[in-house]
Amino acid sequence: IKLARHFIGLQTLGLTLKRCYREMVMLLVFICVAMAIFSALSQLLENGLDLGTKNKDYASMPAACWWVIIS
């Protein structure tokens, strides 16, 4: 934060984030909703409805969420 006193670019970034915090929160909400939807879809598609065949990469919802995050 002390570096922002000396650099105009950091001051501009700080003011932009301060003025657009609602839009940033809305963007994060959209990303989280999309992550939940696509992780549920990926787990359903990879595991299928047959519980006998388990894919260890998609064994749980957190594992599927991690796949969505890294891809």
PDB file of N, CA and C in Angstrom:
ATOM      1  N   ILE A   1       0.830  -1.195   0.000  1.00  0.00           N
ATOM      2  CA  ILE A   1       0.000   0.000   0.000  1.00  0.00           C
ATOM      3  C   ILE A   1       0.867   1.249   0.000  1.00  0.00           C
ATOM      4  N   LYS A   2       2.007   1.180   0.648  1.00  0.00           N
ATOM      5  CA  LYS A   2       2.885   2.348   0.665  1.00  0.00           C
ATOM      6  C   LYS A   2       3.492   2.615  -0.706  1.00  0.00           C
ATOM      7  N   LEU A   3       3.631   1.564  -1.520  1.00  0.00           N
ATOM      8  CA  LEU A   3       4.168   1.753  -2.862  1.00  0.00           C
ATOM      9  C   LEU A   3       3.214   2.554  -3.740  1.00  0.00           C
ATOM     10  N   ALA A   4       1.924   2.528  -3.417  1.00  0.00           N
ATOM     11  CA  ALA A   4       0.937   3.243  -4.232  1.00  0.00           C
ATOM     12  C   ALA A   4       1.149   4.748  -4.173  1.00  0.00           C
ATOM     13  N   ARG A   5       1.808   5.222  -3.147  1.00  0.00           N
ATOM     14  CA  ARG A   5       2.092   6.665  -3.054  1.00  0.00           C
ATOM     15  C   ARG A   5       3.047   7.124  -4.149  1.00  0.00           C
ATOM     16  N   HIS A   6       3.892   6.224  -4.596  1.00  0.00           N
ATOM     17  CA  HIS A   6       4.952   6.587  -5.528  1.00  0.00           C
ATOM     18  C   HIS A   6       4.652   6.221  -6.977  1.00  0.00           C
ATOM     19  N   PHE A   7       3.698   5.327  -7.202  1.00  0.00           N
ATOM     20  CA  PHE A   7       3.420   4.867  -8.552  1.00  0.00           C
ATOM     21  C   PHE A   7       2.006   5.250  -8.965  1.00  0.00           C
ATOM     22  N   ILE A   8       1.911   5.984 -10.058  1.00  0.00           N
ATOM     23  CA  ILE A   8       0.615   6.449 -10.562  1.00  0.00           C
ATOM     24  C   ILE A   8      -0.244   5.264 -11.003  1.00  0.00           C
ATOM     25  N   GLY A   9       0.380   4.243 -11.586  1.00  0.00           N
ATOM     26  CA  GLY A   9      -0.373   3.080 -12.045  1.00  0.00           C
ATOM     27  C   GLY A   9      -1.086   2.364 -10.902  1.00  0.00           C
ATOM     28  N   LEU A  10      -0.425   2.222  -9.756  1.00  0.00           N
ATOM     29  CA  LEU A  10      -1.051   1.585  -8.602  1.00  0.00           C
ATOM     30  C   LEU A  10      -2.165   2.451  -8.028  1.00  0.00           C
ATOM     31  N   GLN A  11      -1.995   3.757  -8.065  1.00  0.00           N
ATOM     32  CA  GLN A  11      -3.061   4.655  -7.608  1.00  0.00           C
ATOM     33  C   GLN A  11      -4.286   4.521  -8.500  1.00  0.00           C
ATOM     34  N   THR A  12      -4.039   4.463  -9.801  1.00  0.00           N
ATOM     35  CA  THR A  12      -5.138   4.320 -10.748  1.00  0.00           C
ATOM     36  C   THR A  12      -5.848   2.985 -10.550  1.00  0.00           C
ATOM     37  N   LEU A  13      -5.091   1.919 -10.346  1.00  0.00           N
ATOM     38  CA  LEU A  13      -5.684   0.610 -10.105  1.00  0.00           C
ATOM     39  C   LEU A  13      -6.521   0.617  -8.831  1.00  0.00           C
ATOM     40  N   GLY A  14      -6.014   1.217  -7.790  1.00  0.00           N
ATOM     41  CA  GLY A  14      -6.756   1.297  -6.528  1.00  0.00           C
ATOM     42  C   GLY A  14      -8.046   2.075  -6.670  1.00  0.00           C
ATOM     43  N   LEU A  15      -8.000   3.202  -7.360  1.00  0.00           N
ATOM     44  CA  LEU A  15      -9.217   3.993  -7.570  1.00  0.00           C
ATOM     45  C   LEU A  15     -10.222   3.244  -8.440  1.00  0.00           C
ATOM     46  N   THR A  16      -9.729   2.532  -9.432  1.00  0.00           N
ATOM     47  CA  THR A  16     -10.623   1.764 -10.300  1.00  0.00           C
ATOM     48  C   THR A  16     -11.315   0.660  -9.513  1.00  0.00           C
ATOM     49  N   LEU A  17     -10.574  -0.060  -8.696  1.00  0.00           N
ATOM     50  CA  LEU A  17     -11.170  -1.117  -7.886  1.00  0.00           C
ATOM     51  C   LEU A  17     -12.134  -0.554  -6.853  1.00  0.00           C
ATOM     52  N   LYS A  18     -11.831   0.589  -6.315  1.00  0.00           N
ATOM     53  CA  LYS A  18     -12.711   1.209  -5.333  1.00  0.00           C
ATOM     54  C   LYS A  18     -14.030   1.638  -5.970  1.00  0.00           C
ATOM     55  N   ARG A  19     -13.964   2.158  -7.183  1.00  0.00           N
ATOM     56  CA  ARG A  19     -15.173   2.639  -7.854  1.00  0.00           C
ATOM     57  C   ARG A  19     -15.998   1.510  -8.461  1.00  0.00           C
ATOM     58  N   CYS A  20     -15.388   0.398  -8.762  1.00  0.00           N
ATOM     59  CA  CYS A  20     -16.085  -0.695  -9.452  1.00  0.00           C
ATOM     60  C   CYS A  20     -16.217  -1.942  -8.585  1.00  0.00           C
ATOM     61  N   TYR A  21     -16.326  -1.783  -7.282  1.00  0.00           N
ATOM     62  CA  TYR A  21     -16.375  -2.960  -6.425  1.00  0.00           C
ATOM     63  C   TYR A  21     -17.652  -3.758  -6.633  1.00  0.00           C
ATOM     64  N   ARG A  22     -18.773  -3.128  -6.941  1.00  0.00           N
ATOM     65  CA  ARG A  22     -20.017  -3.865  -7.179  1.00  0.00           C
ATOM     66  C   ARG A  22     -19.905  -4.760  -8.405  1.00  0.00           C
ATOM     67  N   GLU A  23     -19.314  -4.232  -9.445  1.00  0.00           N
ATOM     68  CA  GLU A  23     -19.145  -5.021 -10.658  1.00  0.00           C
ATOM     69  C   GLU A  23     -18.185  -6.184 -10.433  1.00  0.00           C
ATOM     70  N   MET A  24     -17.145  -5.955  -9.631  1.00  0.00           N
ATOM     71  CA  MET A  24     -16.194  -7.029  -9.336  1.00  0.00           C
ATOM     72  C   MET A  24     -16.867  -8.137  -8.516  1.00  0.00           C
ATOM     73  N   VAL A  25     -17.711  -7.760  -7.565  1.00  0.00           N
ATOM     74  CA  VAL A  25     -18.435  -8.756  -6.769  1.00  0.00           C
ATOM     75  C   VAL A  25     -19.390  -9.534  -7.662  1.00  0.00           C
ATOM     76  N   MET A  26     -20.072  -8.842  -8.567  1.00  0.00           N
ATOM     77  CA  MET A  26     -20.988  -9.525  -9.484  1.00  0.00           C
ATOM     78  C   MET A  26     -20.230 -10.497 -10.390  1.00  0.00           C
ATOM     79  N   LEU A  27     -19.057 -10.106 -10.861  1.00  0.00           N
ATOM     80  CA  LEU A  27     -18.233 -10.986 -11.678  1.00  0.00           C
ATOM     81  C   LEU A  27     -17.827 -12.230 -10.895  1.00  0.00           C
ATOM     82  N   LEU A  28     -17.429 -12.068  -9.633  1.00  0.00           N
ATOM     83  CA  LEU A  28     -17.055 -13.217  -8.805  1.00  0.00           C
ATOM     84  C   LEU A  28     -18.243 -14.139  -8.551  1.00  0.00           C
ATOM     85  N   VAL A  29     -19.434 -13.557  -8.372  1.00  0.00           N
ATOM     86  CA  VAL A  29     -20.629 -14.384  -8.178  1.00  0.00           C
ATOM     87  C   VAL A  29     -20.918 -15.199  -9.430  1.00  0.00           C
ATOM     88  N   PHE A  30     -20.837 -14.563 -10.609  1.00  0.00           N
ATOM     89  CA  PHE A  30     -21.059 -15.286 -11.861  1.00  0.00           C
ATOM     90  C   PHE A  30     -20.043 -16.409 -12.043  1.00  0.00           C
ATOM     91  N   ILE A  31     -18.802 -16.157 -11.699  1.00  0.00           N
ATOM     92  CA  ILE A  31     -17.767 -17.181 -11.827  1.00  0.00           C
ATOM     93  C   ILE A  31     -18.033 -18.344 -10.875  1.00  0.00           C
ATOM     94  N   CYS A  32     -18.445 -18.047  -9.648  1.00  0.00           N
ATOM     95  CA  CYS A  32     -18.726 -19.119  -8.686  1.00  0.00           C
ATOM     96  C   CYS A  32     -19.935 -19.953  -9.109  1.00  0.00           C
ATOM     97  N   VAL A  33     -20.963 -19.305  -9.635  1.00  0.00           N
ATOM     98  CA  VAL A  33     -22.139 -20.050 -10.104  1.00  0.00           C
ATOM     99  C   VAL A  33     -21.760 -20.930 -11.289  1.00  0.00           C
ATOM    100  N   ALA A  34     -21.002 -20.392 -12.226  1.00  0.00           N
ATOM    101  CA  ALA A  34     -20.576 -21.179 -13.379  1.00  0.00           C
ATOM    102  C   ALA A  34     -19.701 -22.348 -12.934  1.00  0.00           C
ATOM    103  N   MET A  35     -18.838 -22.122 -11.948  1.00  0.00           N
ATOM    104  CA  MET A  35     -17.981 -23.189 -11.450  1.00  0.00           C
ATOM    105  C   MET A  35     -18.827 -24.297 -10.821  1.00  0.00           C
ATOM    106  N   ALA A  36     -19.853 -23.941 -10.069  1.00  0.00           N
ATOM    107  CA  ALA A  36     -20.702 -24.953  -9.450  1.00  0.00           C
ATOM    108  C   ALA A  36     -21.461 -25.753 -10.505  1.00  0.00           C
ATOM    109  N   ILE A  37     -21.978 -25.076 -11.515  1.00  0.00           N
ATOM    110  CA  ILE A  37     -22.736 -25.767 -12.565  1.00  0.00           C
ATOM    111  C   ILE A  37     -21.833 -26.698 -13.360  1.00  0.00           C
ATOM    112  N   PHE A  38     -20.693 -26.202 -13.802  1.00  0.00           N
ATOM    113  CA  PHE A  38     -19.823 -27.019 -14.642  1.00  0.00           C
ATOM    114  C   PHE A  38     -19.146 -28.144 -13.861  1.00  0.00           C
ATOM    115  N   SER A  39     -18.885 -27.950 -12.573  1.00  0.00           N
ATOM    116  CA  SER A  39     -18.315 -29.053 -11.805  1.00  0.00           C
ATOM    117  C   SER A  39     -19.350 -30.150 -11.580  1.00  0.00           C
ATOM    118  N   ALA A  40     -20.608 -29.779 -11.361  1.00  0.00           N
ATOM    119  CA  ALA A  40     -21.657 -30.794 -11.225  1.00  0.00           C
ATOM    120  C   ALA A  40     -21.853 -31.540 -12.544  1.00  0.00           C
ATOM    121  N   LEU A  41     -21.825 -30.811 -13.653  1.00  0.00           N
ATOM    122  CA  LEU A  41     -21.955 -31.463 -14.959  1.00  0.00           C
ATOM    123  C   LEU A  41     -20.778 -32.381 -15.258  1.00  0.00           C
ATOM    124  N   SER A  42     -19.579 -31.933 -14.942  1.00  0.00           N
ATOM    125  CA  SER A  42     -18.408 -32.774 -15.218  1.00  0.00           C
ATOM    126  C   SER A  42     -18.413 -34.024 -14.361  1.00  0.00           C
ATOM    127  N   GLN A  43     -18.830 -33.903 -13.110  1.00  0.00           N
ATOM    128  CA  GLN A  43     -18.892 -35.093 -12.266  1.00  0.00           C
ATOM    129  C   GLN A  43     -19.963 -36.046 -12.768  1.00  0.00           C
ATOM    130  N   LEU A  44     -21.092 -35.515 -13.195  1.00  0.00           N
ATOM    131  CA  LEU A  44     -22.153 -36.372 -13.720  1.00  0.00           C
ATOM    132  C   LEU A  44     -21.723 -37.058 -15.007  1.00  0.00           C
ATOM    133  N   LEU A  45     -21.053 -36.331 -15.886  1.00  0.00           N
ATOM    134  CA  LEU A  45     -20.630 -36.918 -17.149  1.00  0.00           C
ATOM    135  C   LEU A  45     -19.494 -37.923 -16.982  1.00  0.00           C
ATOM    136  N   GLU A  46     -18.578 -37.665 -16.074  1.00  0.00           N
ATOM    137  CA  GLU A  46     -17.446 -38.568 -15.892  1.00  0.00           C
ATOM    138  C   GLU A  46     -17.831 -39.810 -15.102  1.00  0.00           C
ATOM    139  N   ASN A  47     -18.604 -39.640 -14.037  1.00  0.00           N
ATOM    140  CA  ASN A  47     -19.014 -40.798 -13.240  1.00  0.00           C
ATOM    141  C   ASN A  47     -20.233 -41.470 -13.836  1.00  0.00           C
ATOM    142  N   GLY A  48     -21.095 -40.693 -14.435  1.00  0.00           N
ATOM    143  CA  GLY A  48     -22.336 -41.249 -14.945  1.00  0.00           C
ATOM    144  C   GLY A  48     -23.276 -41.573 -13.799  1.00  0.00           C
ATOM    145  N   LEU A  49     -24.348 -42.206 -14.132  1.00  0.00           N
ATOM    146  CA  LEU A  49     -25.298 -42.592 -13.100  1.00  0.00           C
ATOM    147  C   LEU A  49     -25.009 -43.977 -12.549  1.00  0.00           C
ATOM    148  N   ASP A  50     -24.071 -44.700 -13.169  1.00  0.00           N
ATOM    149  CA  ASP A  50     -23.668 -46.015 -12.686  1.00  0.00           C
ATOM    150  C   ASP A  50     -22.644 -45.830 -11.578  1.00  0.00           C
ATOM    151  N   LEU A  51     -23.007 -46.195 -10.366  1.00  0.00           N
ATOM    152  CA  LEU A  51     -22.113 -45.995  -9.232  1.00  0.00           C
ATOM    153  C   LEU A  51     -21.017 -47.042  -9.149  1.00  0.00           C
ATOM    154  N   GLY A  52     -21.100 -48.084  -9.971  1.00  0.00           N
ATOM    155  CA  GLY A  52     -20.083 -49.137  -9.940  1.00  0.00           C
ATOM    156  C   GLY A  52     -18.768 -48.701 -10.555  1.00  0.00           C
ATOM    157  N   THR A  53     -18.818 -47.831 -11.547  1.00  0.00           N
ATOM    158  CA  THR A  53     -17.591 -47.358 -12.193  1.00  0.00           C
ATOM    159  C   THR A  53     -17.234 -45.995 -11.635  1.00  0.00           C
ATOM    160  N   LYS A  54     -16.214 -45.962 -10.845  1.00  0.00           N
ATOM    161  CA  LYS A  54     -15.788 -44.709 -10.205  1.00  0.00           C
ATOM    162  C   LYS A  54     -14.537 -44.181 -10.884  1.00  0.00           C
ATOM    163  N   ASN A  55     -14.559 -42.916 -11.247  1.00  0.00           N
ATOM    164  CA  ASN A  55     -13.375 -42.237 -11.757  1.00  0.00           C
ATOM    165  C   ASN A  55     -12.773 -41.477 -10.581  1.00  0.00           C
ATOM    166  N   LYS A  56     -11.558 -41.796 -10.209  1.00  0.00           N
ATOM    167  CA  LYS A  56     -10.964 -41.197  -9.010  1.00  0.00           C
ATOM    168  C   LYS A  56     -10.718 -39.703  -9.161  1.00  0.00           C
ATOM    169  N   ASP A  57     -10.597 -39.231 -10.404  1.00  0.00           N
ATOM    170  CA  ASP A  57     -10.391 -37.793 -10.597  1.00  0.00           C
ATOM    171  C   ASP A  57     -11.635 -36.990 -10.261  1.00  0.00           C
ATOM    172  N   TYR A  58     -12.789 -37.614 -10.376  1.00  0.00           N
ATOM    173  CA  TYR A  58     -14.051 -36.935 -10.115  1.00  0.00           C
ATOM    174  C   TYR A  58     -14.813 -37.651  -9.009  1.00  0.00           C
ATOM    175  N   ALA A  59     -14.128 -38.054  -7.976  1.00  0.00           N
ATOM    176  CA  ALA A  59     -14.751 -38.845  -6.922  1.00  0.00           C
ATOM    177  C   ALA A  59     -15.717 -38.028  -6.075  1.00  0.00           C
ATOM    178  N   SER A  60     -15.527 -36.733  -5.988  1.00  0.00           N
ATOM    179  CA  SER A  60     -16.390 -35.895  -5.160  1.00  0.00           C
ATOM    180  C   SER A  60     -16.588 -34.545  -5.830  1.00  0.00           C
ATOM    181  N   MET A  61     -17.498 -33.762  -5.278  1.00  0.00           N
ATOM    182  CA  MET A  61     -17.744 -32.429  -5.818  1.00  0.00           C
ATOM    183  C   MET A  61     -16.524 -31.512  -5.653  1.00  0.00           C
ATOM    184  N   PRO A  62     -15.816 -31.529  -4.514  1.00  0.00           N
ATOM    185  CA  PRO A  62     -14.613 -30.698  -4.432  1.00  0.00           C
ATOM    186  C   PRO A  62     -13.553 -31.072  -5.465  1.00  0.00           C
ATOM    187  N   ALA A  63     -13.426 -32.355  -5.783  1.00  0.00           N
ATOM    188  CA  ALA A  63     -12.470 -32.775  -6.804  1.00  0.00           C
ATOM    189  C   ALA A  63     -12.899 -32.260  -8.178  1.00  0.00           C
ATOM    190  N   ALA A  64     -14.198 -32.297  -8.441  1.00  0.00           N
ATOM    191  CA  ALA A  64     -14.704 -31.768  -9.708  1.00  0.00           C
ATOM    192  C   ALA A  64     -14.554 -30.252  -9.760  1.00  0.00           C
ATOM    193  N   CYS A  65     -14.757 -29.581  -8.637  1.00  0.00           N
ATOM    194  CA  CYS A  65     -14.551 -28.116  -8.585  1.00  0.00           C
ATOM    195  C   CYS A  65     -13.087 -27.788  -8.850  1.00  0.00           C
ATOM    196  N   TRP A  66     -12.188 -28.596  -8.319  1.00  0.00           N
ATOM    197  CA  TRP A  66     -10.763 -28.359  -8.571  1.00  0.00           C
ATOM    198  C   TRP A  66     -10.454 -28.516 -10.044  1.00  0.00           C
ATOM    199  N   TRP A  67     -11.057 -29.505 -10.687  1.00  0.00           N
ATOM    200  CA  TRP A  67     -10.858 -29.679 -12.135  1.00  0.00           C
ATOM    201  C   TRP A  67     -11.339 -28.458 -12.905  1.00  0.00           C
ATOM    202  N   VAL A  68     -12.474 -27.906 -12.503  1.00  0.00           N
ATOM    203  CA  VAL A  68     -13.003 -26.716 -13.166  1.00  0.00           C
ATOM    204  C   VAL A  68     -12.071 -25.519 -12.951  1.00  0.00           C
ATOM    205  N   ILE A  69     -11.531 -25.373 -11.769  1.00  0.00           N
ATOM    206  CA  ILE A  69     -10.648 -24.252 -11.452  1.00  0.00           C
ATOM    207  C   ILE A  69      -9.360 -24.331 -12.277  1.00  0.00           C
ATOM    208  N   ILE A  70      -8.754 -25.508 -12.343  1.00  0.00           N
ATOM    209  CA  ILE A  70      -7.467 -25.589 -13.028  1.00  0.00           C
ATOM    210  C   ILE A  70      -7.601 -25.608 -14.542  1.00  0.00           C
ATOM    211  N   SER A  71      -8.793 -25.920 -15.043  1.00  0.00           N
ATOM    212  CA  SER A  71      -8.931 -25.906 -16.495  1.00  0.00           C
ATOM    213  C   SER A  71      -9.614 -24.650 -16.935  1.00  0.00           C
TER     214      SER A  71
END
